[in-house]
């Protein structure tokens, strides 16, 4: 699934506020990179208004981008995309 389609799915699921896609990094193993990022950000995990903390982190966009690039560097499959 593309990042744009995923954000559209999330926004269509009745989220409290709409998500905006800012950056995407093409990687060869998206599940691995996502797990690495979630592990790295574990201490920054926060609850959403919907009772789930699985996808929500208290972090600045700049720091999130740094983590994305760092955790994804061994899996790059293209250039960073800015939306």
PDB file of N, CA and C in Angstrom:
ATOM      1  N   UNK A   1       0.855  -1.185   0.000  1.00  0.00           N
ATOM      2  CA  UNK A   1       0.000   0.000   0.000  1.00  0.00           C
ATOM      3  C   UNK A   1       0.897   1.244   0.000  1.00  0.00           C
ATOM      4  N   UNK A   2       0.499   2.237  -0.725  1.00  0.00           N
ATOM      5  CA  UNK A   2       1.299   3.465  -0.776  1.00  0.00           C
ATOM      6  C   UNK A   2       1.043   4.305   0.476  1.00  0.00           C
ATOM      7  N   UNK A   3       1.977   5.173   0.831  1.00  0.00           N
ATOM      8  CA  UNK A   3       1.752   6.056   1.986  1.00  0.00           C
ATOM      9  C   UNK A   3       0.480   6.902   1.835  1.00  0.00           C
ATOM     10  N   UNK A   4       0.212   7.401   0.640  1.00  0.00           N
ATOM     11  CA  UNK A   4      -0.991   8.222   0.425  1.00  0.00           C
ATOM     12  C   UNK A   4      -2.265   7.429   0.661  1.00  0.00           C
ATOM     13  N   UNK A   5      -2.288   6.183   0.178  1.00  0.00           N
ATOM     14  CA  UNK A   5      -3.467   5.338   0.395  1.00  0.00           C
ATOM     15  C   UNK A   5      -3.640   4.995   1.864  1.00  0.00           C
ATOM     16  N   UNK A   6      -2.531   4.754   2.575  1.00  0.00           N
ATOM     17  CA  UNK A   6      -2.613   4.429   4.003  1.00  0.00           C
ATOM     18  C   UNK A   6      -3.177   5.601   4.792  1.00  0.00           C
ATOM     19  N   UNK A   7      -2.717   6.803   4.514  1.00  0.00           N
ATOM     20  CA  UNK A   7      -3.240   7.981   5.219  1.00  0.00           C
ATOM     21  C   UNK A   7      -4.727   8.158   4.915  1.00  0.00           C
ATOM     22  N   UNK A   8      -5.114   7.907   3.681  1.00  0.00           N
ATOM     23  CA  UNK A   8      -6.526   8.003   3.310  1.00  0.00           C
ATOM     24  C   UNK A   8      -7.357   6.982   4.090  1.00  0.00           C
ATOM     25  N   UNK A   9      -6.839   5.774   4.268  1.00  0.00           N
ATOM     26  CA  UNK A   9      -7.530   4.750   5.058  1.00  0.00           C
ATOM     27  C   UNK A   9      -7.689   5.200   6.508  1.00  0.00           C
ATOM     28  N   UNK A  10      -6.613   5.697   7.085  1.00  0.00           N
ATOM     29  CA  UNK A  10      -6.637   6.135   8.479  1.00  0.00           C
ATOM     30  C   UNK A  10      -7.645   7.264   8.654  1.00  0.00           C
ATOM     31  N   UNK A  11      -7.616   8.237   7.771  1.00  0.00           N
ATOM     32  CA  UNK A  11      -8.529   9.372   7.870  1.00  0.00           C
ATOM     33  C   UNK A  11      -9.977   8.952   7.641  1.00  0.00           C
ATOM     34  N   UNK A  12     -10.191   7.888   6.889  1.00  0.00           N
ATOM     35  CA  UNK A  12     -11.539   7.405   6.628  1.00  0.00           C
ATOM     36  C   UNK A  12     -12.087   6.513   7.725  1.00  0.00           C
ATOM     37  N   UNK A  13     -11.260   6.207   8.723  1.00  0.00           N
ATOM     38  CA  UNK A  13     -11.669   5.291   9.793  1.00  0.00           C
ATOM     39  C   UNK A  13     -12.234   6.020  11.003  1.00  0.00           C
ATOM     40  N   UNK A  14     -12.580   7.280  10.839  1.00  0.00           N
ATOM     41  CA  UNK A  14     -13.186   8.021  11.944  1.00  0.00           C
ATOM     42  C   UNK A  14     -12.195   8.515  12.974  1.00  0.00           C
ATOM     43  N   UNK A  15     -11.000   8.875  12.556  1.00  0.00           N
ATOM     44  CA  UNK A  15     -10.028   9.426  13.490  1.00  0.00           C
ATOM     45  C   UNK A  15     -10.502  10.784  13.996  1.00  0.00           C
ATOM     46  N   UNK A  16     -10.029  11.160  15.157  1.00  0.00           N
ATOM     47  CA  UNK A  16     -10.435  12.421  15.766  1.00  0.00           C
ATOM     48  C   UNK A  16      -9.984  13.607  14.924  1.00  0.00           C
ATOM     49  N   UNK A  17      -8.763  13.557  14.452  1.00  0.00           N
ATOM     50  CA  UNK A  17      -8.268  14.610  13.567  1.00  0.00           C
ATOM     51  C   UNK A  17      -7.595  13.945  12.372  1.00  0.00           C
ATOM     52  N   UNK A  18      -7.603  14.633  11.250  1.00  0.00           N
ATOM     53  CA  UNK A  18      -7.024  14.047  10.045  1.00  0.00           C
ATOM     54  C   UNK A  18      -5.513  14.069  10.092  1.00  0.00           C
ATOM     55  N   UNK A  19      -4.923  13.023   9.551  1.00  0.00           N
ATOM     56  CA  UNK A  19      -3.481  12.933   9.439  1.00  0.00           C
ATOM     57  C   UNK A  19      -3.048  13.575   8.135  1.00  0.00           C
ATOM     58  N   UNK A  20      -1.871  14.181   8.152  1.00  0.00           N
ATOM     59  CA  UNK A  20      -1.268  14.747   6.951  1.00  0.00           C
ATOM     60  C   UNK A  20       0.026  13.999   6.679  1.00  0.00           C
ATOM     61  N   UNK A  21       0.210  13.594   5.448  1.00  0.00           N
ATOM     62  CA  UNK A  21       1.438  12.928   5.037  1.00  0.00           C
ATOM     63  C   UNK A  21       2.507  13.989   4.796  1.00  0.00           C
ATOM     64  N   UNK A  22       3.635  13.863   5.464  1.00  0.00           N
ATOM     65  CA  UNK A  22       4.723  14.841   5.330  1.00  0.00           C
ATOM     66  C   UNK A  22       5.902  14.274   4.553  1.00  0.00           C
ATOM     67  N   UNK A  23       6.323  13.051   4.894  1.00  0.00           N
ATOM     68  CA  UNK A  23       7.472  12.421   4.262  1.00  0.00           C
ATOM     69  C   UNK A  23       7.225  10.925   4.111  1.00  0.00           C
ATOM     70  N   UNK A  24       7.897  10.330   3.156  1.00  0.00           N
ATOM     71  CA  UNK A  24       7.911   8.876   3.001  1.00  0.00           C
ATOM     72  C   UNK A  24       9.314   8.479   2.563  1.00  0.00           C
ATOM     73  N   UNK A  25       9.740   7.316   3.038  1.00  0.00           N
ATOM     74  CA  UNK A  25      11.049   6.795   2.673  1.00  0.00           C
ATOM     75  C   UNK A  25      10.858   5.402   2.074  1.00  0.00           C
ATOM     76  N   UNK A  26      11.081   5.255   0.773  1.00  0.00           N
ATOM     77  CA  UNK A  26      10.965   3.921   0.168  1.00  0.00           C
ATOM     78  C   UNK A  26      12.025   2.982   0.752  1.00  0.00           C
ATOM     79  N   UNK A  27      11.577   1.835   1.263  1.00  0.00           N
ATOM     80  CA  UNK A  27      12.480   0.844   1.857  1.00  0.00           C
ATOM     81  C   UNK A  27      12.142  -0.545   1.325  1.00  0.00           C
ATOM     82  N   UNK A  28      13.088  -1.462   1.471  1.00  0.00           N
ATOM     83  CA  UNK A  28      12.871  -2.815   0.962  1.00  0.00           C
ATOM     84  C   UNK A  28      12.103  -3.699   1.940  1.00  0.00           C
ATOM     85  N   UNK A  29      12.036  -3.346   3.213  1.00  0.00           N
ATOM     86  CA  UNK A  29      11.313  -4.145   4.209  1.00  0.00           C
ATOM     87  C   UNK A  29      10.575  -3.199   5.150  1.00  0.00           C
ATOM     88  N   UNK A  30       9.401  -2.751   4.710  1.00  0.00           N
ATOM     89  CA  UNK A  30       8.665  -1.739   5.468  1.00  0.00           C
ATOM     90  C   UNK A  30       8.258  -2.216   6.856  1.00  0.00           C
ATOM     91  N   UNK A  31       7.900  -3.485   7.010  1.00  0.00           N
ATOM     92  CA  UNK A  31       7.509  -3.998   8.326  1.00  0.00           C
ATOM     93  C   UNK A  31       8.687  -3.980   9.296  1.00  0.00           C
ATOM     94  N   UNK A  32       9.853  -4.342   8.819  1.00  0.00           N
ATOM     95  CA  UNK A  32      11.053  -4.328   9.652  1.00  0.00           C
ATOM     96  C   UNK A  32      11.377  -2.902  10.090  1.00  0.00           C
ATOM     97  N   UNK A  33      11.350  -1.969   9.152  1.00  0.00           N
ATOM     98  CA  UNK A  33      11.663  -0.574   9.475  1.00  0.00           C
ATOM     99  C   UNK A  33      10.631  -0.016  10.450  1.00  0.00           C
ATOM    100  N   UNK A  34       9.356  -0.305  10.221  1.00  0.00           N
ATOM    101  CA  UNK A  34       8.322   0.168  11.151  1.00  0.00           C
ATOM    102  C   UNK A  34       8.553  -0.383  12.554  1.00  0.00           C
ATOM    103  N   UNK A  35       8.896  -1.662  12.668  1.00  0.00           N
ATOM    104  CA  UNK A  35       9.169  -2.253  13.981  1.00  0.00           C
ATOM    105  C   UNK A  35      10.385  -1.616  14.643  1.00  0.00           C
ATOM    106  N   UNK A  36      11.424  -1.333  13.866  1.00  0.00           N
ATOM    107  CA  UNK A  36      12.605  -0.662  14.409  1.00  0.00           C
ATOM    108  C   UNK A  36      12.255   0.725  14.942  1.00  0.00           C
ATOM    109  N   UNK A  37      11.458   1.453  14.180  1.00  0.00           N
ATOM    110  CA  UNK A  37      11.059   2.802  14.595  1.00  0.00           C
ATOM    111  C   UNK A  37      10.195   2.740  15.847  1.00  0.00           C
ATOM    112  N   UNK A  38       9.230   1.831  15.869  1.00  0.00           N
ATOM    113  CA  UNK A  38       8.365   1.703  17.051  1.00  0.00           C
ATOM    114  C   UNK A  38       9.186   1.349  18.291  1.00  0.00           C
ATOM    115  N   UNK A  39      10.165   0.471  18.143  1.00  0.00           N
ATOM    116  CA  UNK A  39      11.025   0.117  19.275  1.00  0.00           C
ATOM    117  C   UNK A  39      11.829   1.322  19.750  1.00  0.00           C
ATOM    118  N   UNK A  40      12.371   2.067  18.813  1.00  0.00           N
ATOM    119  CA  UNK A  40      13.172   3.251  19.147  1.00  0.00           C
ATOM    120  C   UNK A  40      12.337   4.314  19.866  1.00  0.00           C
ATOM    121  N   UNK A  41      11.066   4.429  19.481  1.00  0.00           N
ATOM    122  CA  UNK A  41      10.192   5.473  20.037  1.00  0.00           C
ATOM    123  C   UNK A  41       9.320   4.994  21.201  1.00  0.00           C
ATOM    124  N   UNK A  42       9.558   3.791  21.684  1.00  0.00           N
ATOM    125  CA  UNK A  42       8.717   3.197  22.737  1.00  0.00           C
ATOM    126  C   UNK A  42       8.451   4.155  23.903  1.00  0.00           C
ATOM    127  N   UNK A  43       9.476   4.843  24.370  1.00  0.00           N
ATOM    128  CA  UNK A  43       9.316   5.731  25.527  1.00  0.00           C
ATOM    129  C   UNK A  43       8.492   6.979  25.199  1.00  0.00           C
ATOM    130  N   UNK A  44       8.246   7.230  23.915  1.00  0.00           N
ATOM    131  CA  UNK A  44       7.487   8.414  23.493  1.00  0.00           C
ATOM    132  C   UNK A  44       6.055   8.080  23.103  1.00  0.00           C
ATOM    133  N   UNK A  45       5.663   6.823  23.307  1.00  0.00           N
ATOM    134  CA  UNK A  45       4.323   6.367  22.937  1.00  0.00           C
ATOM    135  C   UNK A  45       3.276   7.073  23.794  1.00  0.00           C
ATOM    136  N   UNK A  46       2.182   7.515  23.150  1.00  0.00           N
ATOM    137  CA  UNK A  46       1.097   8.227  23.833  1.00  0.00           C
ATOM    138  C   UNK A  46      -0.241   7.681  23.395  1.00  0.00           C
ATOM    139  N   UNK A  47      -1.211   7.779  24.281  1.00  0.00           N
ATOM    140  CA  UNK A  47      -2.567   7.344  23.970  1.00  0.00           C
ATOM    141  C   UNK A  47      -3.218   8.325  23.016  1.00  0.00           C
ATOM    142  N   UNK A  48      -4.083   7.787  22.190  1.00  0.00           N
ATOM    143  CA  UNK A  48      -4.886   8.646  21.319  1.00  0.00           C
ATOM    144  C   UNK A  48      -6.206   8.914  22.017  1.00  0.00           C
ATOM    145  N   UNK A  49      -7.015   9.749  21.406  1.00  0.00           N
ATOM    146  CA  UNK A  49      -8.351  10.013  21.934  1.00  0.00           C
ATOM    147  C   UNK A  49      -9.248   8.801  21.757  1.00  0.00           C
ATOM    148  N   UNK A  50      -8.772   7.808  21.020  1.00  0.00           N
ATOM    149  CA  UNK A  50      -9.565   6.614  20.751  1.00  0.00           C
ATOM    150  C   UNK A  50      -9.117   5.436  21.594  1.00  0.00           C
ATOM    151  N   UNK A  51      -8.236   5.656  22.558  1.00  0.00           N
ATOM    152  CA  UNK A  51      -7.843   4.622  23.495  1.00  0.00           C
ATOM    153  C   UNK A  51      -6.690   3.732  23.069  1.00  0.00           C
ATOM    154  N   UNK A  52      -6.070   3.988  21.951  1.00  0.00           N
ATOM    155  CA  UNK A  52      -4.964   3.163  21.476  1.00  0.00           C
ATOM    156  C   UNK A  52      -3.677   3.969  21.485  1.00  0.00           C
ATOM    157  N   UNK A  53      -2.586   3.327  21.889  1.00  0.00           N
ATOM    158  CA  UNK A  53      -1.291   4.016  21.857  1.00  0.00           C
ATOM    159  C   UNK A  53      -0.363   3.386  20.827  1.00  0.00           C
ATOM    160  N   UNK A  54      -0.865   2.483  20.018  1.00  0.00           N
ATOM    161  CA  UNK A  54      -0.029   1.734  19.094  1.00  0.00           C
ATOM    162  C   UNK A  54       0.672   2.601  18.059  1.00  0.00           C
ATOM    163  N   UNK A  55       0.020   3.619  17.556  1.00  0.00           N
ATOM    164  CA  UNK A  55       0.552   4.413  16.448  1.00  0.00           C
ATOM    165  C   UNK A  55       0.862   5.857  16.811  1.00  0.00           C
ATOM    166  N   UNK A  56       0.765   6.224  18.069  1.00  0.00           N
ATOM    167  CA  UNK A  56       0.891   7.627  18.447  1.00  0.00           C
ATOM    168  C   UNK A  56       2.118   7.861  19.315  1.00  0.00           C
ATOM    169  N   UNK A  57       2.921   8.865  18.924  1.00  0.00           N
ATOM    170  CA  UNK A  57       4.147   9.184  19.643  1.00  0.00           C
ATOM    171  C   UNK A  57       4.232  10.696  19.822  1.00  0.00           C
ATOM    172  N   UNK A  58       4.767  11.112  20.949  1.00  0.00           N
ATOM    173  CA  UNK A  58       4.961  12.541  21.200  1.00  0.00           C
ATOM    174  C   UNK A  58       6.385  12.892  20.783  1.00  0.00           C
ATOM    175  N   UNK A  59       6.497  13.434  19.570  1.00  0.00           N
ATOM    176  CA  UNK A  59       7.807  13.720  18.989  1.00  0.00           C
ATOM    177  C   UNK A  59       7.634  14.824  17.943  1.00  0.00           C
ATOM    178  N   UNK A  60       8.636  15.651  17.809  1.00  0.00           N
ATOM    179  CA  UNK A  60       8.566  16.701  16.796  1.00  0.00           C
ATOM    180  C   UNK A  60       8.743  16.085  15.407  1.00  0.00           C
ATOM    181  N   UNK A  61       8.258  16.779  14.399  1.00  0.00           N
ATOM    182  CA  UNK A  61       8.414  16.323  13.030  1.00  0.00           C
ATOM    183  C   UNK A  61       9.893  16.167  12.684  1.00  0.00           C
ATOM    184  N   UNK A  62      10.717  17.117  13.117  1.00  0.00           N
ATOM    185  CA  UNK A  62      12.142  17.064  12.818  1.00  0.00           C
ATOM    186  C   UNK A  62      12.796  15.828  13.421  1.00  0.00           C
ATOM    187  N   UNK A  63      12.474  15.530  14.675  1.00  0.00           N
ATOM    188  CA  UNK A  63      13.047  14.347  15.326  1.00  0.00           C
ATOM    189  C   UNK A  63      12.508  13.062  14.716  1.00  0.00           C
ATOM    190  N   UNK A  64      11.233  13.046  14.351  1.00  0.00           N
ATOM    191  CA  UNK A  64      10.648  11.866  13.705  1.00  0.00           C
ATOM    192  C   UNK A  64      11.342  11.599  12.374  1.00  0.00           C
ATOM    193  N   UNK A  65      11.617  12.644  11.624  1.00  0.00           N
ATOM    194  CA  UNK A  65      12.296  12.502  10.342  1.00  0.00           C
ATOM    195  C   UNK A  65      13.716  11.961  10.540  1.00  0.00           C
ATOM    196  N   UNK A  66      14.415  12.444  11.552  1.00  0.00           N
ATOM    197  CA  UNK A  66      15.759  11.939  11.852  1.00  0.00           C
ATOM    198  C   UNK A  66      15.719  10.449  12.162  1.00  0.00           C
ATOM    199  N   UNK A  67      14.742  10.023  12.960  1.00  0.00           N
ATOM    200  CA  UNK A  67      14.607   8.610  13.328  1.00  0.00           C
ATOM    201  C   UNK A  67      14.267   7.779  12.099  1.00  0.00           C
ATOM    202  N   UNK A  68      13.366   8.267  11.260  1.00  0.00           N
ATOM    203  CA  UNK A  68      13.006   7.565  10.031  1.00  0.00           C
ATOM    204  C   UNK A  68      14.242   7.314   9.170  1.00  0.00           C
ATOM    205  N   UNK A  69      15.035   8.341   8.969  1.00  0.00           N
ATOM    206  CA  UNK A  69      16.228   8.223   8.136  1.00  0.00           C
ATOM    207  C   UNK A  69      17.253   7.284   8.785  1.00  0.00           C
ATOM    208  N   UNK A  70      17.447   7.404  10.084  1.00  0.00           N
ATOM    209  CA  UNK A  70      18.405   6.560  10.801  1.00  0.00           C
ATOM    210  C   UNK A  70      17.987   5.085  10.782  1.00  0.00           C
ATOM    211  N   UNK A  71      16.752   4.806  11.123  1.00  0.00           N
ATOM    212  CA  UNK A  71      16.274   3.425  11.196  1.00  0.00           C
ATOM    213  C   UNK A  71      16.128   2.790   9.819  1.00  0.00           C
ATOM    214  N   UNK A  72      15.908   3.609   8.809  1.00  0.00           N
ATOM    215  CA  UNK A  72      15.705   3.082   7.471  1.00  0.00           C
ATOM    216  C   UNK A  72      16.949   2.997   6.620  1.00  0.00           C
ATOM    217  N   UNK A  73      18.080   3.502   7.112  1.00  0.00           N
ATOM    218  CA  UNK A  73      19.258   3.632   6.241  1.00  0.00           C
ATOM    219  C   UNK A  73      19.762   2.318   5.661  1.00  0.00           C
ATOM    220  N   UNK A  74      19.619   1.203   6.367  1.00  0.00           N
ATOM    221  CA  UNK A  74      20.069  -0.081   5.833  1.00  0.00           C
ATOM    222  C   UNK A  74      19.064  -0.694   4.864  1.00  0.00           C
ATOM    223  N   UNK A  75      17.917  -0.029   4.690  1.00  0.00           N
ATOM    224  CA  UNK A  75      16.830  -0.588   3.893  1.00  0.00           C
ATOM    225  C   UNK A  75      16.395   0.334   2.751  1.00  0.00           C
ATOM    226  N   UNK A  76      17.138   1.416   2.523  1.00  0.00           N
ATOM    227  CA  UNK A  76      16.757   2.387   1.484  1.00  0.00           C
ATOM    228  C   UNK A  76      16.475   1.707   0.149  1.00  0.00           C
ATOM    229  N   UNK A  77      15.397   2.158  -0.483  1.00  0.00           N
ATOM    230  CA  UNK A  77      15.054   1.688  -1.815  1.00  0.00           C
ATOM    231  C   UNK A  77      14.579   2.875  -2.663  1.00  0.00           C
ATOM    232  N   UNK A  78      15.225   3.998  -2.450  1.00  0.00           N
ATOM    233  CA  UNK A  78      14.858   5.222  -3.138  1.00  0.00           C
ATOM    234  C   UNK A  78      15.118   6.418  -2.262  1.00  0.00           C
ATOM    235  N   UNK A  79      14.884   7.571  -2.818  1.00  0.00           N
ATOM    236  CA  UNK A  79      15.121   8.831  -2.116  1.00  0.00           C
ATOM    237  C   UNK A  79      13.940   9.203  -1.223  1.00  0.00           C
ATOM    238  N   UNK A  80      14.219   9.958  -0.171  1.00  0.00           N
ATOM    239  CA  UNK A  80      13.189  10.488   0.705  1.00  0.00           C
ATOM    240  C   UNK A  80      12.214  11.342  -0.101  1.00  0.00           C
ATOM    241  N   UNK A  81      10.930  11.143   0.132  1.00  0.00           N
ATOM    242  CA  UNK A  81       9.887  11.884  -0.587  1.00  0.00           C
ATOM    243  C   UNK A  81       9.246  12.865   0.385  1.00  0.00           C
ATOM    244  N   UNK A  82       9.193  14.132  -0.014  1.00  0.00           N
ATOM    245  CA  UNK A  82       8.511  15.158   0.778  1.00  0.00           C
ATOM    246  C   UNK A  82       7.201  15.480   0.107  1.00  0.00           C
ATOM    247  N   UNK A  83       6.124  15.498   0.887  1.00  0.00           N
ATOM    248  CA  UNK A  83       4.794  15.790   0.357  1.00  0.00           C
ATOM    249  C   UNK A  83       4.385  17.202   0.669  1.00  0.00           C
TER     250      UNK A  83
END
